[in-house]
């Protein structure tokens, strides 16, 4: 669970930074933050599951 939250937080920061560099407004930054947060959260979750399954 921690991996998902860390991935989501990193994705949100990354998405906000991408839109800030592209000159987006606050709504654009929020949308990208949510989208990237969900994507990076699920990637981190699948990596965590994969690593846990390797130990079994």
PDB file of N, CA and C in Angstrom:
ATOM      1  N   UNK A   1       0.820  -1.190   0.000  1.00  0.00           N
ATOM      2  CA  UNK A   1       0.000   0.000   0.000  1.00  0.00           C
ATOM      3  C   UNK A   1       0.864   1.254   0.000  1.00  0.00           C
ATOM      4  N   UNK A   2       1.965   1.195   0.716  1.00  0.00           N
ATOM      5  CA  UNK A   2       2.850   2.349   0.767  1.00  0.00           C
ATOM      6  C   UNK A   2       3.451   2.637  -0.608  1.00  0.00           C
ATOM      7  N   UNK A   3       3.761   1.577  -1.345  1.00  0.00           N
ATOM      8  CA  UNK A   3       4.310   1.761  -2.679  1.00  0.00           C
ATOM      9  C   UNK A   3       3.343   2.487  -3.587  1.00  0.00           C
ATOM     10  N   UNK A   4       2.057   2.137  -3.487  1.00  0.00           N
ATOM     11  CA  UNK A   4       1.039   2.804  -4.301  1.00  0.00           C
ATOM     12  C   UNK A   4       0.964   4.285  -3.965  1.00  0.00           C
ATOM     13  N   UNK A   5       0.961   4.604  -2.674  1.00  0.00           N
ATOM     14  CA  UNK A   5       0.854   5.999  -2.255  1.00  0.00           C
ATOM     15  C   UNK A   5       2.090   6.804  -2.656  1.00  0.00           C
ATOM     16  N   UNK A   6       3.260   6.197  -2.537  1.00  0.00           N
ATOM     17  CA  UNK A   6       4.480   6.897  -2.945  1.00  0.00           C
ATOM     18  C   UNK A   6       4.499   7.115  -4.448  1.00  0.00           C
ATOM     19  N   UNK A   7       4.070   6.099  -5.207  1.00  0.00           N
ATOM     20  CA  UNK A   7       3.992   6.245  -6.651  1.00  0.00           C
ATOM     21  C   UNK A   7       2.985   7.302  -7.061  1.00  0.00           C
ATOM     22  N   UNK A   8       1.848   7.327  -6.386  1.00  0.00           N
ATOM     23  CA  UNK A   8       0.817   8.309  -6.693  1.00  0.00           C
ATOM     24  C   UNK A   8       1.291   9.727  -6.362  1.00  0.00           C
ATOM     25  N   UNK A   9       1.982   9.889  -5.245  1.00  0.00           N
ATOM     26  CA  UNK A   9       2.488  11.208  -4.871  1.00  0.00           C
ATOM     27  C   UNK A   9       3.545  11.680  -5.865  1.00  0.00           C
ATOM     28  N   UNK A  10       4.451  10.779  -6.247  1.00  0.00           N
ATOM     29  CA  UNK A  10       5.473  11.144  -7.232  1.00  0.00           C
ATOM     30  C   UNK A  10       4.824  11.492  -8.567  1.00  0.00           C
ATOM     31  N   UNK A  11       3.842  10.707  -8.987  1.00  0.00           N
ATOM     32  CA  UNK A  11       3.154  10.977 -10.244  1.00  0.00           C
ATOM     33  C   UNK A  11       2.428  12.308 -10.230  1.00  0.00           C
ATOM     34  N   UNK A  12       1.809  12.638  -9.109  1.00  0.00           N
ATOM     35  CA  UNK A  12       1.107  13.915  -9.003  1.00  0.00           C
ATOM     36  C   UNK A  12       2.082  15.087  -9.117  1.00  0.00           C
ATOM     37  N   UNK A  13       3.204  14.980  -8.454  1.00  0.00           N
ATOM     38  CA  UNK A  13       4.217  16.038  -8.555  1.00  0.00           C
ATOM     39  C   UNK A  13       4.772  16.134  -9.971  1.00  0.00           C
ATOM     40  N   UNK A  14       5.004  14.989 -10.582  1.00  0.00           N
ATOM     41  CA  UNK A  14       5.536  14.957 -11.941  1.00  0.00           C
ATOM     42  C   UNK A  14       4.530  15.540 -12.941  1.00  0.00           C
ATOM     43  N   UNK A  15       3.258  15.168 -12.797  1.00  0.00           N
ATOM     44  CA  UNK A  15       2.228  15.693 -13.681  1.00  0.00           C
ATOM     45  C   UNK A  15       2.063  17.192 -13.553  1.00  0.00           C
ATOM     46  N   UNK A  16       2.132  17.691 -12.330  1.00  0.00           N
ATOM     47  CA  UNK A  16       2.043  19.132 -12.119  1.00  0.00           C
ATOM     48  C   UNK A  16       3.234  19.845 -12.749  1.00  0.00           C
ATOM     49  N   UNK A  17       4.426  19.272 -12.605  1.00  0.00           N
ATOM     50  CA  UNK A  17       5.624  19.875 -13.183  1.00  0.00           C
ATOM     51  C   UNK A  17       5.555  19.895 -14.707  1.00  0.00           C
ATOM     52  N   UNK A  18       5.027  18.835 -15.297  1.00  0.00           N
ATOM     53  CA  UNK A  18       4.909  18.781 -16.761  1.00  0.00           C
ATOM     54  C   UNK A  18       4.000  19.908 -17.253  1.00  0.00           C
ATOM     55  N   UNK A  19       2.850  20.065 -16.615  1.00  0.00           N
ATOM     56  CA  UNK A  19       1.924  21.111 -17.065  1.00  0.00           C
ATOM     57  C   UNK A  19       2.453  22.502 -16.755  1.00  0.00           C
ATOM     58  N   UNK A  20       3.176  22.660 -15.667  1.00  0.00           N
ATOM     59  CA  UNK A  20       3.746  23.967 -15.337  1.00  0.00           C
ATOM     60  C   UNK A  20       4.752  24.381 -16.406  1.00  0.00           C
ATOM     61  N   UNK A  21       5.590  23.412 -16.862  1.00  0.00           N
ATOM     62  CA  UNK A  21       6.566  23.721 -17.910  1.00  0.00           C
ATOM     63  C   UNK A  21       5.888  24.030 -19.241  1.00  0.00           C
ATOM     64  N   UNK A  22       4.731  23.421 -19.481  1.00  0.00           N
ATOM     65  CA  UNK A  22       4.006  23.664 -20.730  1.00  0.00           C
ATOM     66  C   UNK A  22       3.125  24.904 -20.663  1.00  0.00           C
ATOM     67  N   UNK A  23       3.078  25.547 -19.519  1.00  0.00           N
ATOM     68  CA  UNK A  23       2.326  26.791 -19.379  1.00  0.00           C
ATOM     69  C   UNK A  23       0.829  26.595 -19.159  1.00  0.00           C
ATOM     70  N   UNK A  24       0.440  25.500 -18.555  1.00  0.00           N
ATOM     71  CA  UNK A  24      -0.978  25.241 -18.313  1.00  0.00           C
ATOM     72  C   UNK A  24      -1.501  26.016 -17.119  1.00  0.00           C
ATOM     73  N   UNK A  25      -2.829  26.147 -17.062  1.00  0.00           N
ATOM     74  CA  UNK A  25      -3.425  26.821 -15.911  1.00  0.00           C
ATOM     75  C   UNK A  25      -3.618  25.815 -14.769  1.00  0.00           C
ATOM     76  N   UNK A  26      -4.232  26.266 -13.679  1.00  0.00           N
ATOM     77  CA  UNK A  26      -4.354  25.401 -12.497  1.00  0.00           C
ATOM     78  C   UNK A  26      -5.228  24.177 -12.749  1.00  0.00           C
ATOM     79  N   UNK A  27      -6.251  24.327 -13.583  1.00  0.00           N
ATOM     80  CA  UNK A  27      -7.108  23.175 -13.886  1.00  0.00           C
ATOM     81  C   UNK A  27      -6.339  22.135 -14.687  1.00  0.00           C
ATOM     82  N   UNK A  28      -5.512  22.577 -15.622  1.00  0.00           N
ATOM     83  CA  UNK A  28      -4.682  21.647 -16.384  1.00  0.00           C
ATOM     84  C   UNK A  28      -3.712  20.911 -15.461  1.00  0.00           C
ATOM     85  N   UNK A  29      -3.095  21.662 -14.555  1.00  0.00           N
ATOM     86  CA  UNK A  29      -2.154  21.055 -13.619  1.00  0.00           C
ATOM     87  C   UNK A  29      -2.846  20.019 -12.740  1.00  0.00           C
ATOM     88  N   UNK A  30      -4.055  20.320 -12.295  1.00  0.00           N
ATOM     89  CA  UNK A  30      -4.799  19.372 -11.478  1.00  0.00           C
ATOM     90  C   UNK A  30      -5.157  18.111 -12.236  1.00  0.00           C
ATOM     91  N   UNK A  31      -5.575  18.279 -13.488  1.00  0.00           N
ATOM     92  CA  UNK A  31      -5.943  17.111 -14.286  1.00  0.00           C
ATOM     93  C   UNK A  31      -4.730  16.232 -14.553  1.00  0.00           C
ATOM     94  N   UNK A  32      -3.614  16.837 -14.901  1.00  0.00           N
ATOM     95  CA  UNK A  32      -2.400  16.057 -15.137  1.00  0.00           C
ATOM     96  C   UNK A  32      -1.909  15.417 -13.845  1.00  0.00           C
ATOM     97  N   UNK A  33      -2.032  16.120 -12.714  1.00  0.00           N
ATOM     98  CA  UNK A  33      -1.603  15.559 -11.434  1.00  0.00           C
ATOM     99  C   UNK A  33      -2.404  14.303 -11.110  1.00  0.00           C
ATOM    100  N   UNK A  34      -3.708  14.342 -11.319  1.00  0.00           N
ATOM    101  CA  UNK A  34      -4.547  13.176 -11.037  1.00  0.00           C
ATOM    102  C   UNK A  34      -4.226  12.035 -11.995  1.00  0.00           C
ATOM    103  N   UNK A  35      -4.110  12.347 -13.273  1.00  0.00           N
ATOM    104  CA  UNK A  35      -3.828  11.315 -14.270  1.00  0.00           C
ATOM    105  C   UNK A  35      -2.489  10.634 -14.047  1.00  0.00           C
ATOM    106  N   UNK A  36      -1.457  11.418 -13.863  1.00  0.00           N
ATOM    107  CA  UNK A  36      -0.132  10.859 -13.629  1.00  0.00           C
ATOM    108  C   UNK A  36      -0.080  10.146 -12.279  1.00  0.00           C
ATOM    109  N   UNK A  37      -0.780  10.683 -11.273  1.00  0.00           N
ATOM    110  CA  UNK A  37      -0.804  10.037  -9.965  1.00  0.00           C
ATOM    111  C   UNK A  37      -1.406   8.650 -10.024  1.00  0.00           C
ATOM    112  N   UNK A  38      -2.521   8.512 -10.729  1.00  0.00           N
ATOM    113  CA  UNK A  38      -3.150   7.197 -10.871  1.00  0.00           C
ATOM    114  C   UNK A  38      -2.234   6.249 -11.628  1.00  0.00           C
ATOM    115  N   UNK A  39      -1.667   6.720 -12.728  1.00  0.00           N
ATOM    116  CA  UNK A  39      -0.805   5.868 -13.541  1.00  0.00           C
ATOM    117  C   UNK A  39       0.415   5.392 -12.761  1.00  0.00           C
ATOM    118  N   UNK A  40       1.141   6.319 -12.139  1.00  0.00           N
ATOM    119  CA  UNK A  40       2.339   5.946 -11.401  1.00  0.00           C
ATOM    120  C   UNK A  40       2.000   5.115 -10.170  1.00  0.00           C
ATOM    121  N   UNK A  41       0.841   5.364  -9.563  1.00  0.00           N
ATOM    122  CA  UNK A  41       0.417   4.557  -8.423  1.00  0.00           C
ATOM    123  C   UNK A  41       0.209   3.107  -8.813  1.00  0.00           C
ATOM    124  N   UNK A  42      -0.459   2.872  -9.932  1.00  0.00           N
ATOM    125  CA  UNK A  42      -0.684   1.499 -10.373  1.00  0.00           C
ATOM    126  C   UNK A  42       0.605   0.831 -10.836  1.00  0.00           C
ATOM    127  N   UNK A  43       1.483   1.579 -11.463  1.00  0.00           N
ATOM    128  CA  UNK A  43       2.781   1.003 -11.849  1.00  0.00           C
ATOM    129  C   UNK A  43       3.540   0.562 -10.598  1.00  0.00           C
ATOM    130  N   UNK A  44       3.559   1.413  -9.579  1.00  0.00           N
ATOM    131  CA  UNK A  44       4.234   1.062  -8.326  1.00  0.00           C
ATOM    132  C   UNK A  44       3.567  -0.139  -7.659  1.00  0.00           C
ATOM    133  N   UNK A  45       2.241  -0.219  -7.722  1.00  0.00           N
ATOM    134  CA  UNK A  45       1.526  -1.346  -7.145  1.00  0.00           C
ATOM    135  C   UNK A  45       1.903  -2.650  -7.846  1.00  0.00           C
ATOM    136  N   UNK A  46       1.935  -2.651  -9.170  1.00  0.00           N
ATOM    137  CA  UNK A  46       2.294  -3.860  -9.907  1.00  0.00           C
ATOM    138  C   UNK A  46       3.746  -4.256  -9.667  1.00  0.00           C
ATOM    139  N   UNK A  47       4.633  -3.283  -9.537  1.00  0.00           N
ATOM    140  CA  UNK A  47       6.027  -3.595  -9.234  1.00  0.00           C
ATOM    141  C   UNK A  47       6.131  -4.225  -7.842  1.00  0.00           C
ATOM    142  N   UNK A  48       5.379  -3.689  -6.891  1.00  0.00           N
ATOM    143  CA  UNK A  48       5.373  -4.224  -5.527  1.00  0.00           C
ATOM    144  C   UNK A  48       4.847  -5.663  -5.517  1.00  0.00           C
ATOM    145  N   UNK A  49       3.776  -5.921  -6.249  1.00  0.00           N
ATOM    146  CA  UNK A  49       3.243  -7.282  -6.331  1.00  0.00           C
ATOM    147  C   UNK A  49       4.244  -8.215  -6.989  1.00  0.00           C
ATOM    148  N   UNK A  50       4.884  -7.776  -8.053  1.00  0.00           N
ATOM    149  CA  UNK A  50       5.864  -8.593  -8.742  1.00  0.00           C
ATOM    150  C   UNK A  50       7.024  -8.955  -7.814  1.00  0.00           C
ATOM    151  N   UNK A  51       7.532  -7.987  -7.079  1.00  0.00           N
ATOM    152  CA  UNK A  51       8.650  -8.240  -6.162  1.00  0.00           C
ATOM    153  C   UNK A  51       8.213  -9.200  -5.050  1.00  0.00           C
ATOM    154  N   UNK A  52       7.005  -9.025  -4.538  1.00  0.00           N
ATOM    155  CA  UNK A  52       6.512  -9.912  -3.476  1.00  0.00           C
ATOM    156  C   UNK A  52       6.343 -11.338  -3.983  1.00  0.00           C
ATOM    157  N   UNK A  53       5.903 -11.488  -5.216  1.00  0.00           N
ATOM    158  CA  UNK A  53       5.715 -12.833  -5.778  1.00  0.00           C
ATOM    159  C   UNK A  53       7.055 -13.527  -6.066  1.00  0.00           C
ATOM    160  N   UNK A  54       8.086 -12.765  -6.294  1.00  0.00           N
ATOM    161  CA  UNK A  54       9.398 -13.362  -6.548  1.00  0.00           C
ATOM    162  C   UNK A  54       9.967 -14.006  -5.286  1.00  0.00           C
ATOM    163  N   UNK A  55       9.590 -13.499  -4.133  1.00  0.00           N
ATOM    164  CA  UNK A  55      10.091 -14.041  -2.875  1.00  0.00           C
ATOM    165  C   UNK A  55       9.359 -15.304  -2.445  1.00  0.00           C
ATOM    166  N   UNK A  56       8.213 -15.574  -3.019  1.00  0.00           N
ATOM    167  CA  UNK A  56       7.404 -16.732  -2.587  1.00  0.00           C
ATOM    168  C   UNK A  56       7.859 -18.018  -3.219  1.00  0.00           C
TER     169      UNK A  56
END
